[in-house]
Structures are given as C-alpha cells and as structure tokens.
Amino acid sequence: CYKHELDLFYFWTVKVIRFVPIFFVLASIIAAYFYAGGNIHNPSQVGYSVTHNFLSDLGGFKSHSGKVNILSALLFNISMIMFILVGVSFLFVPRLFKENKTNYFLSILGSIFFFLGTVFFAGVGFTPYDLYLDMHVFFAINAFRFLIPASVLYFTVLLRSSISNKYALAIIVLFLFTFFYVVYQIVSASPLESLEKMVEQATLQKIIALINVVSIFILSFAFEEQIRKLKLD
C-alpha cells in the first residue's frame, strides 16, 4: 500500500512536473510559428519576433496586426492554464519530506506559494490581453512574485535533506533571477514608452520564463531521488 502511494506521488511530483514545462515550450514555439503578426509599436510586423513580441502576444485572439490569431491563442493559453497542474503537484511534495518535521513544515509553506504562483500563471491563460487587459496584466506581473518565497523555502528544504545539493543550486538560480526580474518589473518604464524598452522587456521576459520552466523541470529529479530513497526505507 505504501509503495502504491509512492507510485501516485511519482506521477504528480515527477511526471506531471516534467510534462507541463515541456508542453509549454513546445506549444509556445508552435504558437510563435503561427502568430498572425504585429507588435505593440508596429502592427505591420510579419510573424512573431523573439525580441519584439511578448509571450502574452501569442495569447491574443487577435494579434497586434488586427488579424485573427485563434490557433496561437489556443496553444499558448492552454499551455499557461496547464501550470495549475504543477501547482497541484507541489501540494503532493511535502509528503516526501514528512520524516523531518521542519522540512515538512517548510515544504508545506513552499508548496502553498508555488500553488498560488501557478494559479496566477493559469490566470494569464484565462485572460487574453486583447479581451481582459487589466486582469491579464495583474496575473502576469504578480505570478512571479509568489515564486520568490516558494524558492527560498524549497532551497532550505533541499539543503536540509539528504538529496544531492546540485538541485538546491537549481532552485537558488530560480530565486536569484526571479527576484531580479520582479525588481526590474517594479522600476522599469512601460514598454509602450519606446521601442527600445519593449525590446529590452520582451527579451528579458523570455529569459526569465525559460529559467523558470527549466528550474521546475530540474526539481522533478530531486523529488524522484527522494521517492527512490523512501522506497528503499
């Protein structure tokens, strides 16, 4: 029965946490290929530009060119909504660290913040910018902020556990870059002000997004290692 329970936890804390980031990256690449064109400063731009378009541009049912963008919107928004599954997965993670009361408590807090962050990422998918701009911006800006306490708490848990410290390094990278990005969001001017500011923000956004999905993907290997140790006990 205990082994069966661990198999269930393996599905959520390893398989799901690996699948969603991979799906997001692939869906975003395909959505970018089919993007109908335009950016906030140039509606005549052909196709999608890594430096001149935000990720959220993919989620609009009409692109900045004014053309219908249904396929890109569906792919991108579904991939964002699926991050709620990662949040659910993190609610299973504390059970893996139950043998130590402090780690168990810290992982519960960390999972709550991870869950809230993924709810906000899903909110980005539920509120395309061309339909619900204010709510979309609210979710997009605040989603990363929940990952700061989440990453600090799980960094502590991983350091205190018997899991290899290389995974703790991955999550501290997540913390540092996310913290930098949140500060940057607060102090930076609006991308509407100039083309240069838009390019800067659009490029940085993709770097941070990639670091986030890679870090979350790597965490699945830490949880897999912990499950294997529990199965041997």
Protein backbone atom coordinates (compact mmCIF):
# COMPACT_ATOMS: atom_id res chain seq x y z
CA CYS A 1 0.00 0.00 0.00
CA TYR A 2 2.89 2.36 0.89
CA LYS A 3 4.65 1.50 -2.39
CA HIS A 4 1.42 2.16 -4.30
CA GLU A 5 1.10 5.54 -2.58
CA LEU A 6 4.64 6.44 -3.65
CA ASP A 7 3.78 5.48 -7.24
CA LEU A 8 0.93 8.01 -7.09
CA PHE A 9 3.28 10.64 -5.74
CA TYR A 10 5.78 9.80 -8.51
CA PHE A 11 3.10 10.57 -11.11
CA TRP A 12 2.35 14.01 -9.65
CA THR A 13 5.76 15.13 -8.39
CA VAL A 14 7.85 13.77 -11.26
CA LYS A 15 5.85 13.03 -14.41
CA VAL A 16 3.47 16.00 -14.27
CA ILE A 17 6.20 18.46 -13.25
CA ARG A 18 8.26 17.31 -16.24
CA PHE A 19 5.42 17.20 -18.75
CA VAL A 20 3.97 20.69 -18.25
CA PRO A 21 7.22 22.67 -18.85
CA ILE A 22 7.97 20.59 -21.96
CA PHE A 23 4.43 21.13 -23.24
CA PHE A 24 4.69 24.89 -22.56
CA VAL A 25 7.94 25.25 -24.51
CA LEU A 26 6.71 23.21 -27.48
CA ALA A 27 3.29 24.92 -27.52
CA SER A 28 4.94 28.37 -27.40
CA ILE A 29 7.25 27.52 -30.30
CA ILE A 30 4.35 26.29 -32.43
CA ALA A 31 2.19 29.26 -31.40
CA ALA A 32 5.00 31.63 -32.40
CA TYR A 33 5.23 29.95 -35.81
CA PHE A 34 1.52 30.55 -36.46
CA TYR A 35 1.36 34.02 -34.86
CA ALA A 36 -0.53 36.46 -37.08
CA GLY A 37 1.98 39.29 -36.79
CA GLY A 38 2.40 42.74 -35.30
CA ASN A 39 3.71 44.15 -32.01
CA ILE A 40 2.64 46.99 -29.73
CA HIS A 41 4.70 49.52 -31.75
CA ASN A 42 4.42 48.07 -35.25
CA PRO A 43 1.19 46.38 -36.39
CA SER A 44 2.72 45.62 -39.81
CA GLN A 45 5.45 43.34 -38.44
CA VAL A 46 5.42 39.96 -40.19
CA GLY A 47 5.10 36.95 -37.89
CA TYR A 48 6.49 36.65 -34.35
CA SER A 49 9.73 38.22 -33.13
CA VAL A 50 11.59 36.91 -30.06
CA THR A 51 12.82 40.42 -29.29
CA HIS A 52 9.80 42.46 -30.37
CA ASN A 53 6.89 40.40 -29.02
CA PHE A 54 5.93 39.41 -25.51
CA LEU A 55 4.90 35.84 -24.78
CA SER A 56 1.43 37.12 -23.96
CA ASP A 57 1.10 38.39 -27.54
CA LEU A 58 0.69 34.74 -28.52
CA GLY A 59 -2.44 34.50 -26.37
CA GLY A 60 -4.48 37.22 -28.02
CA PHE A 61 -7.37 36.01 -30.17
CA LYS A 62 -6.49 38.88 -32.45
CA SER A 63 -2.83 39.77 -32.94
CA HIS A 64 -1.43 43.31 -32.92
CA SER A 65 -1.77 43.24 -36.71
CA GLY A 66 -5.54 43.02 -36.24
CA LYS A 67 -5.68 39.56 -37.81
CA VAL A 68 -7.36 36.52 -36.26
CA ASN A 69 -4.89 34.56 -34.10
CA ILE A 70 -7.01 31.65 -32.88
CA LEU A 71 -4.52 28.77 -33.23
CA SER A 72 -1.68 30.58 -31.45
CA ALA A 73 -4.05 31.81 -28.76
CA LEU A 74 -5.42 28.34 -28.01
CA LEU A 75 -1.97 26.72 -27.88
CA PHE A 76 -0.43 29.39 -25.65
CA ASN A 77 -3.40 29.86 -23.31
CA ILE A 78 -3.85 26.11 -22.80
CA SER A 79 -0.14 25.76 -22.02
CA MET A 80 -0.42 28.52 -19.40
CA ILE A 81 -3.59 27.09 -17.86
CA MET A 82 -1.86 23.72 -17.51
CA PHE A 83 0.56 25.23 -14.99
CA ILE A 84 -2.19 24.76 -12.43
CA LEU A 85 -1.29 21.05 -12.64
CA VAL A 86 2.22 21.93 -11.47
CA GLY A 87 0.65 23.75 -8.53
CA VAL A 88 -1.37 20.65 -7.66
CA SER A 89 1.80 18.57 -7.97
CA PHE A 90 3.55 20.71 -5.38
CA LEU A 91 0.75 20.02 -2.93
CA PHE A 92 1.90 16.38 -3.03
CA VAL A 93 5.58 17.21 -2.48
CA PRO A 94 5.55 17.84 1.33
CA ARG A 95 4.63 14.20 1.90
CA LEU A 96 8.06 13.28 0.54
CA PHE A 97 9.75 15.18 3.37
CA LYS A 98 7.48 14.10 6.20
CA GLU A 99 10.23 12.24 8.07
CA ASN A 100 11.63 15.60 9.23
CA LYS A 101 9.13 17.94 10.92
CA THR A 102 10.98 21.13 9.99
CA ASN A 103 11.37 20.13 6.34
CA TYR A 104 7.74 19.02 6.25
CA PHE A 105 6.54 22.38 7.58
CA LEU A 106 8.80 24.40 5.26
CA SER A 107 7.78 22.34 2.23
CA ILE A 108 4.08 22.91 3.04
CA LEU A 109 4.66 26.67 3.07
CA GLY A 110 6.75 26.47 -0.10
CA SER A 111 4.08 24.43 -1.86
CA ILE A 112 1.38 26.94 -0.94
CA PHE A 113 3.40 29.73 -2.59
CA PHE A 114 4.17 27.56 -5.63
CA PHE A 115 0.48 26.73 -5.93
CA LEU A 116 -0.53 30.40 -5.76
CA GLY A 117 2.10 31.28 -8.37
CA THR A 118 0.82 28.64 -10.77
CA VAL A 119 -2.78 29.80 -10.22
CA PHE A 120 -1.66 33.24 -11.39
CA PHE A 121 0.18 31.75 -14.39
CA ALA A 122 -3.04 29.93 -15.26
CA GLY A 123 -4.83 33.26 -14.84
CA VAL A 124 -2.69 34.65 -17.66
CA GLY A 125 -4.10 31.92 -19.91
CA PHE A 126 -7.67 32.58 -18.80
CA THR A 127 -7.41 36.33 -19.51
CA PRO A 128 -6.07 37.01 -23.04
CA TYR A 129 -4.64 40.53 -23.22
CA ASP A 130 -6.98 41.63 -26.01
CA LEU A 131 -10.07 40.67 -24.01
CA TYR A 132 -9.19 41.27 -20.33
CA LEU A 133 -6.13 43.54 -20.35
CA ASP A 134 -6.24 44.75 -16.72
CA MET A 135 -6.73 41.27 -15.26
CA HIS A 136 -4.13 39.85 -17.65
CA VAL A 137 -1.50 42.37 -16.53
CA PHE A 138 -2.39 41.74 -12.87
CA PHE A 139 -1.83 37.98 -13.21
CA ALA A 140 1.29 38.33 -15.36
CA ILE A 141 3.03 40.77 -13.01
CA ASN A 142 2.21 39.01 -9.74
CA ALA A 143 2.71 35.37 -10.78
CA PHE A 144 6.50 35.58 -10.46
CA ARG A 145 6.31 37.22 -7.03
CA PHE A 146 4.91 34.09 -5.39
CA LEU A 147 7.90 32.12 -6.67
CA ILE A 148 10.34 34.15 -4.57
CA PRO A 149 9.24 32.85 -1.12
CA ALA A 150 8.49 29.45 -2.69
CA SER A 151 12.04 29.08 -4.00
CA VAL A 152 13.62 30.27 -0.73
CA LEU A 153 11.61 27.75 1.28
CA TYR A 154 12.38 24.83 -1.04
CA PHE A 155 16.04 25.82 -1.23
CA THR A 156 16.13 25.42 2.56
CA VAL A 157 14.30 22.08 2.40
CA LEU A 158 16.65 20.67 -0.23
CA LEU A 159 19.75 21.80 1.67
CA ARG A 160 18.46 20.20 4.87
CA SER A 161 17.50 16.95 3.15
CA SER A 162 19.75 14.09 2.01
CA ILE A 163 19.06 14.95 -1.64
CA SER A 164 22.05 16.00 -3.76
CA ASN A 165 22.90 19.68 -3.31
CA LYS A 166 23.01 20.22 -7.08
CA TYR A 167 19.23 20.51 -7.02
CA ALA A 168 19.43 23.21 -4.36
CA LEU A 169 21.70 25.10 -6.76
CA ALA A 170 19.00 24.95 -9.45
CA ILE A 171 16.39 26.47 -7.17
CA ILE A 172 18.70 29.23 -5.91
CA VAL A 173 19.25 30.19 -9.57
CA LEU A 174 15.44 30.32 -9.89
CA PHE A 175 15.25 32.58 -6.83
CA LEU A 176 18.01 34.98 -7.91
CA PHE A 177 16.75 35.50 -11.46
CA THR A 178 13.10 35.74 -10.40
CA PHE A 179 13.96 38.24 -7.66
CA PHE A 180 15.93 40.31 -10.17
CA TYR A 181 13.03 40.20 -12.62
CA VAL A 182 10.45 41.26 -10.02
CA VAL A 183 12.62 44.24 -9.02
CA TYR A 184 13.09 45.06 -12.70
CA GLN A 185 9.30 44.99 -13.23
CA ILE A 186 8.86 47.48 -10.39
CA VAL A 187 11.48 50.01 -11.52
CA SER A 188 11.24 49.65 -15.30
CA ALA A 189 9.30 52.05 -17.50
CA SER A 190 6.34 50.89 -19.58
CA PRO A 191 7.19 49.07 -22.84
CA LEU A 192 4.72 51.43 -24.50
CA GLU A 193 7.15 54.31 -23.95
CA SER A 194 9.69 53.27 -26.57
CA LEU A 195 10.71 50.52 -28.96
CA GLU A 196 13.96 50.05 -27.06
CA LYS A 197 12.17 49.50 -23.75
CA MET A 198 9.81 46.99 -25.40
CA VAL A 199 12.71 45.01 -26.88
CA GLU A 200 14.51 45.01 -23.53
CA GLN A 201 11.48 43.79 -21.60
CA ALA A 202 10.33 41.25 -24.20
CA THR A 203 13.80 39.69 -24.36
CA LEU A 204 14.25 39.58 -20.60
CA GLN A 205 10.79 38.07 -20.13
CA LYS A 206 11.69 35.08 -22.30
CA ILE A 207 14.98 34.52 -20.47
CA ILE A 208 13.20 34.51 -17.11
CA ALA A 209 10.40 32.27 -18.39
CA LEU A 210 12.95 29.75 -19.70
CA ILE A 211 14.88 29.78 -16.42
CA ASN A 212 11.63 29.17 -14.54
CA VAL A 213 10.48 26.21 -16.62
CA VAL A 214 13.96 24.63 -16.65
CA SER A 215 14.30 25.05 -12.86
CA ILE A 216 10.89 23.48 -12.23
CA PHE A 217 11.78 20.66 -14.61
CA ILE A 218 15.04 20.03 -12.73
CA LEU A 219 13.20 19.93 -9.39
CA SER A 220 11.36 16.82 -10.59
CA PHE A 221 14.68 14.95 -10.48
CA ALA A 222 15.18 15.99 -6.85
CA PHE A 223 11.74 14.64 -5.99
CA GLU A 224 12.44 11.46 -7.94
CA GLU A 225 15.61 10.92 -5.91
CA GLN A 226 13.68 11.38 -2.67
CA ILE A 227 10.99 8.89 -3.77
CA ARG A 228 13.64 6.28 -4.54
CA LYS A 229 15.12 6.71 -1.08
CA LEU A 230 11.70 6.35 0.53
CA LYS A 231 11.06 3.15 -1.43
CA LEU A 232 14.30 1.70 -0.11
CA ASP A 233 13.49 2.52 3.53
